[in-house]
Amino acid sequence: MKNLILFACFTILIWSCSSENSTPKPRMFPKIEYPQGGYDVFQSKKCPFTFEYPTYTEIGRDSKYMEMNPIHDCWFNIKYPMFQAQLYCSYAPLTGQSSFDQYKSDAFDIVDQINRRSDYMEEYRFENPQGVSGIVFDFSGPAASPMQFFLSDTSQHFFKMALYYDTQNDPDSLGPISEFIKRDMGHILETFQWERSEMEPN
C-alpha cells in the first residue's frame, strides 16, 4: 500500500511538471537587421528610362533566365540578398494601342492569379511628379507577390516591376520585410522617368 501511494505521488509530480512545460510560448521571430544607405540612379543604354534605387541592393539578371529570349534587352532584377527577395523588372516597347491593351491585359491576368491566394488587394492609379503614370497592386496575406506595378505612356513604353521572394517563409514573418521593400518601390515610383525621344518636341 505504501508503495502504491509513493507511485501515485510520483506520477502526480511528473504530470504537474510536464503541464507547466507544455504552456504555449509566444511566437517569436528573429530580429530583422534592416540595411541603411542612400540611392543610386539606374541608367542603362538598353533601357529608355531612369529611376533611383537603394545602394544596398544589387542589379543583375537571374541565371535561370539567361537562355530565354525576352521581348526586349531591358530586363533585370533588383536583388535584396539579405532578404532573399528580388524586384523583377521588364520593359517592352509599344507599337500602338493594341499592344498596350495586350500588355495591360497580361499584367491583370497575373494580378488575378496572385489575388486568389491573397487576403486583400488594393489597386490604385499612380502618377509621379514627372508625369509617369500606371497602376499599383498591393497585396496582403499569403500572396506570391506582395506588391507589383506597371507604368506606361500607352503609346511607346511599358514597364513592369514585381516583388517576389526566393524563400517560402511564413507571410507573417515576411510582412515587415515586405513593408520595408515596398517603401523602396515607392521611391522608385516617385523618381521614375522616361527618357525623352529625339523626336519629341522641347
N, C-alpha and C. Protein backbone atom coordinates (compact mmCIF):
# COMPACT_ATOMS: atom_id res chain seq x y z
N MET A 1 0.84 -1.21 0.00
CA MET A 1 0.00 0.00 0.00
C MET A 1 0.87 1.25 0.00
N LYS A 2 1.94 1.20 0.80
CA LYS A 2 2.85 2.33 0.89
C LYS A 2 3.50 2.61 -0.46
N ASN A 3 3.89 1.53 -1.16
CA ASN A 3 4.49 1.70 -2.48
C ASN A 3 3.51 2.28 -3.49
N LEU A 4 2.26 1.90 -3.38
CA LEU A 4 1.23 2.40 -4.28
C LEU A 4 1.04 3.90 -4.09
N ILE A 5 1.07 4.35 -2.80
CA ILE A 5 0.91 5.77 -2.50
C ILE A 5 2.10 6.57 -3.05
N LEU A 6 3.32 6.03 -2.88
CA LEU A 6 4.51 6.71 -3.38
C LEU A 6 4.48 6.81 -4.91
N PHE A 7 4.01 5.76 -5.56
CA PHE A 7 3.93 5.75 -7.02
C PHE A 7 2.93 6.80 -7.52
N ALA A 8 1.80 6.93 -6.81
CA ALA A 8 0.78 7.90 -7.18
C ALA A 8 1.30 9.33 -7.02
N CYS A 9 2.04 9.57 -5.91
CA CYS A 9 2.59 10.91 -5.69
C CYS A 9 3.62 11.25 -6.76
N PHE A 10 4.45 10.26 -7.11
CA PHE A 10 5.48 10.48 -8.13
C PHE A 10 4.84 10.78 -9.49
N THR A 11 3.74 10.07 -9.80
CA THR A 11 3.05 10.29 -11.07
C THR A 11 2.44 11.68 -11.14
N ILE A 12 1.85 12.14 -10.02
CA ILE A 12 1.26 13.48 -9.97
C ILE A 12 2.32 14.54 -10.14
N LEU A 13 3.50 14.34 -9.53
CA LEU A 13 4.59 15.29 -9.61
C LEU A 13 5.08 15.42 -11.06
N ILE A 14 5.26 14.28 -11.71
CA ILE A 14 5.73 14.28 -13.10
C ILE A 14 4.70 14.96 -14.00
N TRP A 15 3.44 14.68 -13.80
CA TRP A 15 2.38 15.26 -14.62
C TRP A 15 2.31 16.78 -14.46
N SER A 16 2.47 17.25 -13.20
CA SER A 16 2.40 18.69 -12.96
C SER A 16 3.57 19.41 -13.60
N CYS A 17 4.75 18.79 -13.57
CA CYS A 17 5.93 19.42 -14.19
C CYS A 17 5.77 19.49 -15.71
N SER A 18 5.27 18.39 -16.29
CA SER A 18 5.09 18.38 -17.74
C SER A 18 4.01 19.35 -18.17
N SER A 19 3.01 19.58 -17.31
CA SER A 19 1.94 20.51 -17.65
C SER A 19 2.48 21.93 -17.70
N GLU A 20 3.40 22.26 -16.76
CA GLU A 20 3.99 23.59 -16.75
C GLU A 20 4.81 23.83 -18.02
N ASN A 21 5.53 22.80 -18.46
CA ASN A 21 6.39 22.94 -19.63
C ASN A 21 5.60 22.98 -20.93
N SER A 22 4.35 22.53 -20.90
CA SER A 22 3.56 22.47 -22.13
C SER A 22 2.79 23.75 -22.40
N THR A 23 2.97 24.75 -21.53
CA THR A 23 2.28 26.02 -21.74
C THR A 23 2.79 26.67 -23.02
N PRO A 24 1.90 27.02 -23.94
CA PRO A 24 2.35 27.63 -25.20
C PRO A 24 3.12 28.92 -24.95
N LYS A 25 4.22 29.08 -25.66
CA LYS A 25 5.02 30.29 -25.55
C LYS A 25 4.68 31.23 -26.70
N PRO A 26 4.85 32.53 -26.46
CA PRO A 26 4.57 33.49 -27.55
C PRO A 26 5.45 33.19 -28.76
N ARG A 27 4.86 33.36 -29.95
CA ARG A 27 5.61 33.11 -31.17
C ARG A 27 6.64 34.22 -31.37
N MET A 28 7.90 33.84 -31.55
CA MET A 28 8.96 34.80 -31.69
C MET A 28 9.57 34.71 -33.08
N PHE A 29 9.90 35.84 -33.67
CA PHE A 29 10.57 35.90 -34.95
C PHE A 29 11.96 36.48 -34.76
N PRO A 30 12.92 36.04 -35.56
CA PRO A 30 14.27 36.59 -35.45
C PRO A 30 14.27 38.09 -35.67
N LYS A 31 15.15 38.78 -34.97
CA LYS A 31 15.27 40.22 -35.13
C LYS A 31 15.78 40.53 -36.54
N ILE A 32 15.13 41.48 -37.19
CA ILE A 32 15.48 41.81 -38.56
C ILE A 32 16.44 43.00 -38.56
N GLU A 33 17.56 42.83 -39.22
CA GLU A 33 18.52 43.93 -39.38
C GLU A 33 18.28 44.57 -40.74
N TYR A 34 17.71 45.76 -40.72
CA TYR A 34 17.40 46.44 -41.97
C TYR A 34 18.63 47.20 -42.47
N PRO A 35 18.92 47.11 -43.75
CA PRO A 35 20.09 47.81 -44.31
C PRO A 35 19.85 49.31 -44.35
N GLN A 36 20.93 50.06 -44.34
CA GLN A 36 20.86 51.50 -44.45
C GLN A 36 21.72 51.97 -45.61
N GLY A 37 21.33 53.04 -46.22
CA GLY A 37 22.08 53.57 -47.35
C GLY A 37 21.27 54.59 -48.11
N GLY A 38 21.87 55.13 -49.15
CA GLY A 38 21.19 56.11 -49.97
C GLY A 38 20.66 55.51 -51.25
N TYR A 39 20.69 56.31 -52.31
CA TYR A 39 20.15 55.86 -53.59
C TYR A 39 21.14 56.17 -54.72
N ASP A 40 21.17 55.29 -55.69
CA ASP A 40 21.90 55.49 -56.93
C ASP A 40 20.89 55.65 -58.07
N VAL A 41 21.33 56.24 -59.16
CA VAL A 41 20.47 56.39 -60.32
C VAL A 41 20.67 55.22 -61.26
N PHE A 42 19.58 54.54 -61.58
CA PHE A 42 19.66 53.45 -62.56
C PHE A 42 19.64 54.05 -63.95
N GLN A 43 20.67 53.71 -64.72
CA GLN A 43 20.75 54.12 -66.12
C GLN A 43 21.35 52.98 -66.93
N SER A 44 20.77 52.71 -68.07
CA SER A 44 21.27 51.65 -68.94
C SER A 44 20.99 52.04 -70.39
N LYS A 45 21.95 51.76 -71.27
CA LYS A 45 21.76 52.04 -72.69
C LYS A 45 20.63 51.18 -73.27
N LYS A 46 20.31 50.08 -72.58
CA LYS A 46 19.26 49.19 -73.07
C LYS A 46 17.86 49.62 -72.62
N CYS A 47 17.81 50.57 -71.69
CA CYS A 47 16.52 50.94 -71.10
C CYS A 47 16.23 52.43 -71.30
N PRO A 48 15.06 52.76 -71.83
CA PRO A 48 14.70 54.17 -72.09
C PRO A 48 14.07 54.85 -70.89
N PHE A 49 14.66 54.68 -69.72
CA PHE A 49 14.13 55.30 -68.51
C PHE A 49 15.22 55.34 -67.44
N THR A 50 14.98 56.12 -66.41
CA THR A 50 15.87 56.17 -65.25
C THR A 50 15.00 56.18 -63.98
N PHE A 51 15.63 55.80 -62.87
CA PHE A 51 14.98 55.91 -61.56
C PHE A 51 16.06 55.75 -60.48
N GLU A 52 15.71 56.05 -59.25
CA GLU A 52 16.64 55.90 -58.14
C GLU A 52 16.33 54.60 -57.40
N TYR A 53 17.39 53.82 -57.13
CA TYR A 53 17.23 52.55 -56.43
C TYR A 53 18.19 52.50 -55.23
N PRO A 54 17.91 51.68 -54.21
CA PRO A 54 18.72 51.65 -52.99
C PRO A 54 20.14 51.15 -53.24
N THR A 55 21.12 51.75 -52.56
CA THR A 55 22.51 51.36 -52.72
C THR A 55 22.82 49.99 -52.12
N TYR A 56 21.95 49.49 -51.23
CA TYR A 56 22.21 48.20 -50.59
C TYR A 56 21.64 47.03 -51.40
N THR A 57 21.16 47.31 -52.59
CA THR A 57 20.67 46.24 -53.46
C THR A 57 21.68 45.97 -54.58
N GLU A 58 21.44 44.88 -55.31
CA GLU A 58 22.30 44.51 -56.44
C GLU A 58 21.44 44.37 -57.68
N ILE A 59 21.96 44.82 -58.81
CA ILE A 59 21.22 44.71 -60.07
C ILE A 59 21.90 43.68 -60.96
N GLY A 60 21.12 42.77 -61.49
CA GLY A 60 21.65 41.74 -62.38
C GLY A 60 20.54 40.94 -63.00
N ARG A 61 20.92 39.95 -63.78
CA ARG A 61 19.96 39.06 -64.40
C ARG A 61 19.96 37.72 -63.69
N ASP A 62 18.80 37.12 -63.57
CA ASP A 62 18.68 35.81 -62.95
C ASP A 62 19.24 34.76 -63.90
N SER A 63 20.14 33.91 -63.42
CA SER A 63 20.80 32.93 -64.28
C SER A 63 19.82 31.97 -64.94
N LYS A 64 18.68 31.69 -64.30
CA LYS A 64 17.75 30.73 -64.87
C LYS A 64 17.01 31.28 -66.08
N TYR A 65 17.15 32.59 -66.32
CA TYR A 65 16.51 33.19 -67.49
C TYR A 65 17.51 33.56 -68.59
N MET A 66 18.77 33.21 -68.40
CA MET A 66 19.80 33.64 -69.34
C MET A 66 19.60 33.10 -70.75
N GLU A 67 18.98 31.91 -70.88
CA GLU A 67 18.80 31.33 -72.20
C GLU A 67 17.45 31.67 -72.83
N MET A 68 16.66 32.47 -72.12
CA MET A 68 15.36 32.86 -72.67
C MET A 68 15.54 34.04 -73.62
N ASN A 69 14.57 34.25 -74.47
CA ASN A 69 14.59 35.37 -75.41
C ASN A 69 13.51 36.38 -75.02
N PRO A 70 13.86 37.35 -74.18
CA PRO A 70 12.86 38.35 -73.77
C PRO A 70 12.47 39.23 -74.94
N ILE A 71 11.33 39.91 -74.77
CA ILE A 71 10.83 40.80 -75.82
C ILE A 71 11.80 41.94 -76.08
N HIS A 72 12.49 42.37 -75.02
CA HIS A 72 13.43 43.49 -75.13
C HIS A 72 14.63 43.21 -74.24
N ASP A 73 15.80 43.79 -74.59
CA ASP A 73 17.00 43.57 -73.79
C ASP A 73 16.94 44.21 -72.42
N CYS A 74 16.00 45.12 -72.22
CA CYS A 74 15.88 45.80 -70.94
C CYS A 74 15.03 44.95 -69.98
N TRP A 75 15.67 43.96 -69.38
CA TRP A 75 15.03 43.18 -68.32
C TRP A 75 16.12 42.83 -67.31
N PHE A 76 15.79 42.98 -66.03
CA PHE A 76 16.80 42.83 -64.98
C PHE A 76 16.09 42.63 -63.64
N ASN A 77 16.87 42.28 -62.63
CA ASN A 77 16.34 42.12 -61.28
C ASN A 77 17.08 43.04 -60.33
N ILE A 78 16.37 43.61 -59.38
CA ILE A 78 16.97 44.34 -58.27
C ILE A 78 16.93 43.40 -57.07
N LYS A 79 18.09 42.97 -56.63
CA LYS A 79 18.17 41.89 -55.64
C LYS A 79 18.43 42.42 -54.23
N TYR A 80 17.75 41.80 -53.27
CA TYR A 80 17.96 42.03 -51.84
C TYR A 80 18.55 40.76 -51.26
N PRO A 81 19.87 40.57 -51.31
CA PRO A 81 20.47 39.32 -50.82
C PRO A 81 20.18 39.05 -49.35
N MET A 82 20.10 40.13 -48.55
CA MET A 82 19.87 39.95 -47.12
C MET A 82 18.47 39.44 -46.81
N PHE A 83 17.54 39.59 -47.73
CA PHE A 83 16.15 39.17 -47.52
C PHE A 83 15.73 38.03 -48.44
N GLN A 84 16.61 37.59 -49.33
CA GLN A 84 16.26 36.59 -50.34
C GLN A 84 15.03 37.04 -51.14
N ALA A 85 15.09 38.28 -51.57
CA ALA A 85 13.98 38.88 -52.32
C ALA A 85 14.52 39.55 -53.57
N GLN A 86 13.65 39.70 -54.57
CA GLN A 86 14.04 40.35 -55.81
C GLN A 86 12.87 41.15 -56.37
N LEU A 87 13.22 42.25 -57.01
CA LEU A 87 12.26 43.02 -57.79
C LEU A 87 12.49 42.65 -59.25
N TYR A 88 11.54 41.97 -59.85
CA TYR A 88 11.65 41.56 -61.25
C TYR A 88 11.18 42.71 -62.13
N CYS A 89 12.07 43.16 -63.01
CA CYS A 89 11.79 44.32 -63.84
C CYS A 89 11.84 43.94 -65.32
N SER A 90 10.84 44.38 -66.07
CA SER A 90 10.82 44.09 -67.51
C SER A 90 10.24 45.27 -68.26
N TYR A 91 10.75 45.47 -69.46
CA TYR A 91 10.31 46.58 -70.30
C TYR A 91 9.93 46.05 -71.68
N ALA A 92 8.92 46.67 -72.28
CA ALA A 92 8.52 46.32 -73.65
C ALA A 92 8.15 47.59 -74.39
N PRO A 93 8.64 47.75 -75.61
CA PRO A 93 8.23 48.90 -76.42
C PRO A 93 6.83 48.67 -76.98
N LEU A 94 6.07 49.72 -77.10
CA LEU A 94 4.71 49.61 -77.63
C LEU A 94 4.69 50.00 -79.10
N THR A 95 3.78 49.36 -79.83
CA THR A 95 3.64 49.66 -81.26
C THR A 95 2.27 50.25 -81.56
N GLY A 96 1.56 50.63 -80.52
CA GLY A 96 0.23 51.20 -80.73
C GLY A 96 -0.70 50.82 -79.59
N GLN A 97 -1.95 51.23 -79.69
CA GLN A 97 -2.94 50.99 -78.64
C GLN A 97 -3.16 49.50 -78.41
N SER A 98 -3.14 48.71 -79.47
CA SER A 98 -3.40 47.28 -79.32
C SER A 98 -2.33 46.59 -78.49
N SER A 99 -1.06 46.99 -78.68
CA SER A 99 0.00 46.36 -77.89
C SER A 99 -0.09 46.79 -76.43
N PHE A 100 -0.46 48.04 -76.17
CA PHE A 100 -0.67 48.47 -74.78
C PHE A 100 -1.79 47.67 -74.13
N ASP A 101 -2.90 47.51 -74.85
CA ASP A 101 -4.03 46.74 -74.32
C ASP A 101 -3.61 45.31 -73.99
N GLN A 102 -2.75 44.72 -74.83
CA GLN A 102 -2.33 43.34 -74.62
C GLN A 102 -1.45 43.22 -73.37
N TYR A 103 -0.46 44.12 -73.24
CA TYR A 103 0.43 44.06 -72.07
C TYR A 103 -0.34 44.37 -70.78
N LYS A 104 -1.27 45.29 -70.87
CA LYS A 104 -2.09 45.61 -69.71
C LYS A 104 -2.94 44.40 -69.32
N SER A 105 -3.52 43.73 -70.30
CA SER A 105 -4.34 42.55 -70.04
C SER A 105 -3.51 41.43 -69.42
N ASP A 106 -2.29 41.24 -69.93
CA ASP A 106 -1.41 40.22 -69.37
C ASP A 106 -1.06 40.53 -67.91
N ALA A 107 -0.83 41.81 -67.62
CA ALA A 107 -0.50 42.21 -66.26
C ALA A 107 -1.66 41.93 -65.31
N PHE A 108 -2.88 42.22 -65.75
CA PHE A 108 -4.05 41.98 -64.92
C PHE A 108 -4.31 40.48 -64.74
N ASP A 109 -3.99 39.68 -65.75
CA ASP A 109 -4.14 38.23 -65.61
C ASP A 109 -3.25 37.69 -64.49
N ILE A 110 -2.01 38.17 -64.44
CA ILE A 110 -1.08 37.76 -63.38
C ILE A 110 -1.59 38.23 -62.03
N VAL A 111 -2.07 39.46 -61.97
CA VAL A 111 -2.60 40.00 -60.73
C VAL A 111 -3.79 39.17 -60.24
N ASP A 112 -4.66 38.76 -61.13
CA ASP A 112 -5.81 37.94 -60.75
C ASP A 112 -5.36 36.61 -60.14
N GLN A 113 -4.33 36.01 -60.70
CA GLN A 113 -3.80 34.75 -60.17
C GLN A 113 -3.25 34.94 -58.76
N ILE A 114 -2.51 36.03 -58.56
CA ILE A 114 -1.94 36.31 -57.24
C ILE A 114 -3.04 36.61 -56.23
N ASN A 115 -4.04 37.35 -56.65
CA ASN A 115 -5.10 37.76 -55.74
C ASN A 115 -5.94 36.59 -55.22
N ARG A 116 -5.95 35.48 -55.94
CA ARG A 116 -6.70 34.30 -55.50
C ARG A 116 -6.18 33.76 -54.16
N ARG A 117 -4.90 33.99 -53.88
CA ARG A 117 -4.32 33.49 -52.63
C ARG A 117 -4.12 34.58 -51.59
N SER A 118 -4.38 35.81 -51.96
CA SER A 118 -4.18 36.90 -51.01
C SER A 118 -5.41 37.08 -50.13
N ASP A 119 -5.21 37.76 -49.00
CA ASP A 119 -6.33 38.09 -48.13
C ASP A 119 -7.04 39.36 -48.60
N TYR A 120 -6.24 40.24 -49.22
CA TYR A 120 -6.80 41.52 -49.64
C TYR A 120 -5.88 42.12 -50.69
N MET A 121 -6.47 42.83 -51.66
CA MET A 121 -5.68 43.52 -52.67
C MET A 121 -6.17 44.96 -52.80
N GLU A 122 -5.22 45.88 -52.80
CA GLU A 122 -5.54 47.29 -53.04
C GLU A 122 -4.97 47.67 -54.41
N GLU A 123 -5.80 48.21 -55.26
CA GLU A 123 -5.39 48.63 -56.60
C GLU A 123 -5.63 50.13 -56.72
N TYR A 124 -4.60 50.85 -57.14
CA TYR A 124 -4.80 52.28 -57.31
C TYR A 124 -3.92 52.82 -58.44
N ARG A 125 -4.43 53.86 -59.07
CA ARG A 125 -3.70 54.53 -60.13
C ARG A 125 -2.68 55.48 -59.53
N PHE A 126 -1.57 55.63 -60.26
CA PHE A 126 -0.45 56.41 -59.73
C PHE A 126 0.10 57.34 -60.80
N GLU A 127 0.48 58.55 -60.40
CA GLU A 127 1.20 59.45 -61.29
C GLU A 127 2.22 60.22 -60.46
N ASN A 128 3.48 60.20 -60.91
CA ASN A 128 4.53 60.86 -60.14
C ASN A 128 4.77 62.29 -60.64
N PRO A 129 5.65 63.04 -60.00
CA PRO A 129 5.88 64.45 -60.40
C PRO A 129 6.39 64.61 -61.82
N GLN A 130 6.99 63.54 -62.38
CA GLN A 130 7.49 63.62 -63.75
C GLN A 130 6.41 63.33 -64.79
N GLY A 131 5.20 63.05 -64.33
CA GLY A 131 4.10 62.76 -65.23
C GLY A 131 4.01 61.31 -65.67
N VAL A 132 4.82 60.43 -65.05
CA VAL A 132 4.76 58.99 -65.36
C VAL A 132 3.60 58.37 -64.59
N SER A 133 2.76 57.62 -65.28
CA SER A 133 1.57 57.06 -64.63
C SER A 133 1.47 55.56 -64.84
N GLY A 134 0.66 54.94 -64.01
CA GLY A 134 0.46 53.50 -64.10
C GLY A 134 -0.48 53.03 -63.01
N ILE A 135 -0.45 51.72 -62.73
CA ILE A 135 -1.33 51.13 -61.72
C ILE A 135 -0.50 50.29 -60.76
N VAL A 136 -0.76 50.44 -59.47
CA VAL A 136 -0.06 49.73 -58.41
C VAL A 136 -1.00 48.71 -57.78
N PHE A 137 -0.47 47.52 -57.49
CA PHE A 137 -1.24 46.45 -56.85
C PHE A 137 -0.52 46.05 -55.56
N ASP A 138 -1.22 46.23 -54.45
CA ASP A 138 -0.66 45.95 -53.12
C ASP A 138 -1.45 44.81 -52.49
N PHE A 139 -0.74 43.70 -52.16
CA PHE A 139 -1.41 42.50 -51.64
C PHE A 139 -1.05 42.29 -50.17
N SER A 140 -1.97 41.64 -49.44
CA SER A 140 -1.70 41.23 -48.07
C SER A 140 -2.05 39.75 -47.92
N GLY A 141 -1.42 39.10 -46.93
CA GLY A 141 -1.66 37.68 -46.73
C GLY A 141 -0.71 36.82 -47.54
N PRO A 142 -1.06 35.55 -47.75
CA PRO A 142 -0.16 34.59 -48.41
C PRO A 142 -0.11 34.74 -49.94
N ALA A 143 0.11 35.95 -50.42
CA ALA A 143 0.19 36.18 -51.86
C ALA A 143 1.60 35.89 -52.35
N ALA A 144 1.72 35.40 -53.57
CA ALA A 144 3.03 35.08 -54.13
C ALA A 144 3.88 36.33 -54.29
N SER A 145 3.24 37.46 -54.56
CA SER A 145 3.94 38.74 -54.75
C SER A 145 3.25 39.79 -53.89
N PRO A 146 3.94 40.35 -52.88
CA PRO A 146 3.30 41.34 -52.01
C PRO A 146 2.94 42.64 -52.72
N MET A 147 3.69 42.98 -53.79
CA MET A 147 3.41 44.23 -54.48
C MET A 147 3.98 44.19 -55.89
N GLN A 148 3.26 44.78 -56.83
CA GLN A 148 3.78 44.96 -58.17
C GLN A 148 3.05 46.13 -58.83
N PHE A 149 3.65 46.63 -59.91
CA PHE A 149 3.03 47.75 -60.61
C PHE A 149 3.49 47.75 -62.06
N PHE A 150 2.74 48.47 -62.89
CA PHE A 150 3.20 48.72 -64.25
C PHE A 150 3.03 50.21 -64.55
N LEU A 151 3.95 50.72 -65.37
CA LEU A 151 3.94 52.12 -65.78
C LEU A 151 3.94 52.17 -67.30
N SER A 152 3.21 53.11 -67.88
CA SER A 152 3.15 53.20 -69.33
C SER A 152 2.68 54.58 -69.76
N ASP A 153 3.18 55.01 -70.93
CA ASP A 153 2.64 56.22 -71.54
C ASP A 153 1.56 55.88 -72.55
N THR A 154 1.23 54.58 -72.67
CA THR A 154 0.18 53.99 -73.52
C THR A 154 0.49 54.06 -75.01
N SER A 155 1.63 54.66 -75.38
CA SER A 155 1.94 54.78 -76.81
C SER A 155 3.31 54.23 -77.20
N GLN A 156 4.31 54.36 -76.29
CA GLN A 156 5.66 53.94 -76.62
C GLN A 156 6.26 52.95 -75.63
N HIS A 157 5.94 53.11 -74.33
CA HIS A 157 6.66 52.37 -73.29
C HIS A 157 5.71 51.60 -72.36
N PHE A 158 6.22 50.44 -71.90
CA PHE A 158 5.50 49.66 -70.90
C PHE A 158 6.55 49.02 -69.98
N PHE A 159 6.50 49.37 -68.69
CA PHE A 159 7.46 48.85 -67.71
C PHE A 159 6.70 48.19 -66.57
N LYS A 160 7.24 47.04 -66.12
CA LYS A 160 6.58 46.29 -65.04
C LYS A 160 7.61 45.91 -63.99
N MET A 161 7.21 46.00 -62.72
CA MET A 161 8.06 45.60 -61.59
C MET A 161 7.22 44.78 -60.61
N ALA A 162 7.80 43.67 -60.11
CA ALA A 162 7.08 42.81 -59.18
C ALA A 162 8.02 42.28 -58.11
N LEU A 163 7.57 42.29 -56.87
CA LEU A 163 8.35 41.78 -55.75
C LEU A 163 8.04 40.30 -55.53
N TYR A 164 9.12 39.49 -55.50
CA TYR A 164 8.99 38.07 -55.20
C TYR A 164 10.10 37.66 -54.24
N TYR A 165 9.83 36.61 -53.46
CA TYR A 165 10.83 36.05 -52.55
C TYR A 165 11.37 34.74 -53.09
N ASP A 166 12.64 34.46 -52.75
CA ASP A 166 13.25 33.20 -53.12
C ASP A 166 13.07 32.16 -52.03
N THR A 167 12.29 32.48 -51.03
CA THR A 167 12.08 31.60 -49.89
C THR A 167 10.59 31.39 -49.67
N GLN A 168 10.22 30.37 -48.92
CA GLN A 168 8.81 30.06 -48.64
C GLN A 168 8.45 30.34 -47.19
N ASN A 169 9.05 31.36 -46.59
CA ASN A 169 8.78 31.70 -45.20
C ASN A 169 7.32 32.09 -44.99
N ASP A 170 6.91 32.03 -43.72
CA ASP A 170 5.54 32.38 -43.35
C ASP A 170 5.27 33.84 -43.70
N PRO A 171 4.10 34.14 -44.28
CA PRO A 171 3.78 35.53 -44.65
C PRO A 171 3.86 36.50 -43.48
N ASP A 172 3.54 36.03 -42.26
CA ASP A 172 3.61 36.91 -41.09
C ASP A 172 5.04 37.37 -40.82
N SER A 173 6.00 36.45 -40.98
CA SER A 173 7.39 36.80 -40.73
C SER A 173 7.96 37.66 -41.84
N LEU A 174 7.41 37.53 -43.06
CA LEU A 174 7.88 38.33 -44.18
C LEU A 174 7.21 39.70 -44.25
N GLY A 175 6.12 39.86 -43.49
CA GLY A 175 5.36 41.10 -43.55
C GLY A 175 6.19 42.36 -43.33
N PRO A 176 6.97 42.44 -42.23
CA PRO A 176 7.78 43.65 -42.00
C PRO A 176 8.80 43.89 -43.11
N ILE A 177 9.37 42.81 -43.65
CA ILE A 177 10.34 42.95 -44.73
C ILE A 177 9.65 43.49 -45.98
N SER A 178 8.45 42.96 -46.26
CA SER A 178 7.70 43.43 -47.43
C SER A 178 7.40 44.92 -47.31
N GLU A 179 7.02 45.37 -46.12
CA GLU A 179 6.74 46.79 -45.94
C GLU A 179 7.98 47.64 -46.18
N PHE A 180 9.14 47.13 -45.76
CA PHE A 180 10.40 47.84 -45.98
C PHE A 180 10.69 47.95 -47.48
N ILE A 181 10.53 46.84 -48.21
CA ILE A 181 10.82 46.86 -49.64
C ILE A 181 9.78 47.68 -50.39
N LYS A 182 8.54 47.66 -49.93
CA LYS A 182 7.50 48.46 -50.58
C LYS A 182 7.83 49.95 -50.53
N ARG A 183 8.48 50.37 -49.43
CA ARG A 183 8.88 51.78 -49.35
C ARG A 183 9.94 52.10 -50.42
N ASP A 184 10.84 51.14 -50.65
CA ASP A 184 11.81 51.32 -51.73
C ASP A 184 11.12 51.39 -53.08
N MET A 185 10.12 50.54 -53.28
CA MET A 185 9.38 50.56 -54.54
C MET A 185 8.65 51.89 -54.71
N GLY A 186 8.18 52.45 -53.61
CA GLY A 186 7.54 53.76 -53.66
C GLY A 186 8.52 54.83 -54.11
N HIS A 187 9.77 54.73 -53.65
CA HIS A 187 10.78 55.71 -54.08
C HIS A 187 11.10 55.55 -55.56
N ILE A 188 11.14 54.30 -56.02
CA ILE A 188 11.36 54.05 -57.45
C ILE A 188 10.24 54.67 -58.26
N LEU A 189 9.01 54.50 -57.80
CA LEU A 189 7.86 55.09 -58.49
C LEU A 189 7.97 56.61 -58.55
N GLU A 190 8.34 57.22 -57.44
CA GLU A 190 8.40 58.68 -57.37
C GLU A 190 9.49 59.26 -58.27
N THR A 191 10.59 58.51 -58.48
CA THR A 191 11.73 59.05 -59.22
C THR A 191 11.81 58.53 -60.65
N PHE A 192 10.88 57.69 -61.05
CA PHE A 192 10.91 57.09 -62.39
C PHE A 192 10.59 58.14 -63.45
N GLN A 193 11.35 58.12 -64.55
CA GLN A 193 11.02 59.00 -65.67
C GLN A 193 11.49 58.37 -66.98
N TRP A 194 10.69 58.60 -68.00
CA TRP A 194 11.04 58.12 -69.33
C TRP A 194 12.10 59.04 -69.94
N GLU A 195 12.99 58.47 -70.71
CA GLU A 195 13.95 59.29 -71.44
C GLU A 195 13.23 59.96 -72.60
N ARG A 196 13.54 61.20 -72.85
CA ARG A 196 12.90 61.93 -73.93
C ARG A 196 13.43 61.46 -75.27
N SER A 197 12.52 61.19 -76.17
CA SER A 197 12.91 60.79 -77.52
C SER A 197 13.40 61.98 -78.31
N GLU A 198 14.34 61.73 -79.24
CA GLU A 198 14.86 62.82 -80.07
C GLU A 198 13.76 63.42 -80.94
N MET A 199 12.69 62.66 -81.15
CA MET A 199 11.59 63.13 -81.98
C MET A 199 10.59 63.97 -81.21
N GLU A 200 10.70 63.97 -79.85
CA GLU A 200 9.75 64.72 -79.06
C GLU A 200 10.06 66.20 -79.13
N PRO A 201 9.01 67.04 -79.12
CA PRO A 201 9.23 68.50 -79.10
C PRO A 201 9.75 68.94 -77.76
N ASN A 202 10.50 70.01 -77.70
CA ASN A 202 11.01 70.54 -76.44
C ASN A 202 9.92 71.27 -75.67
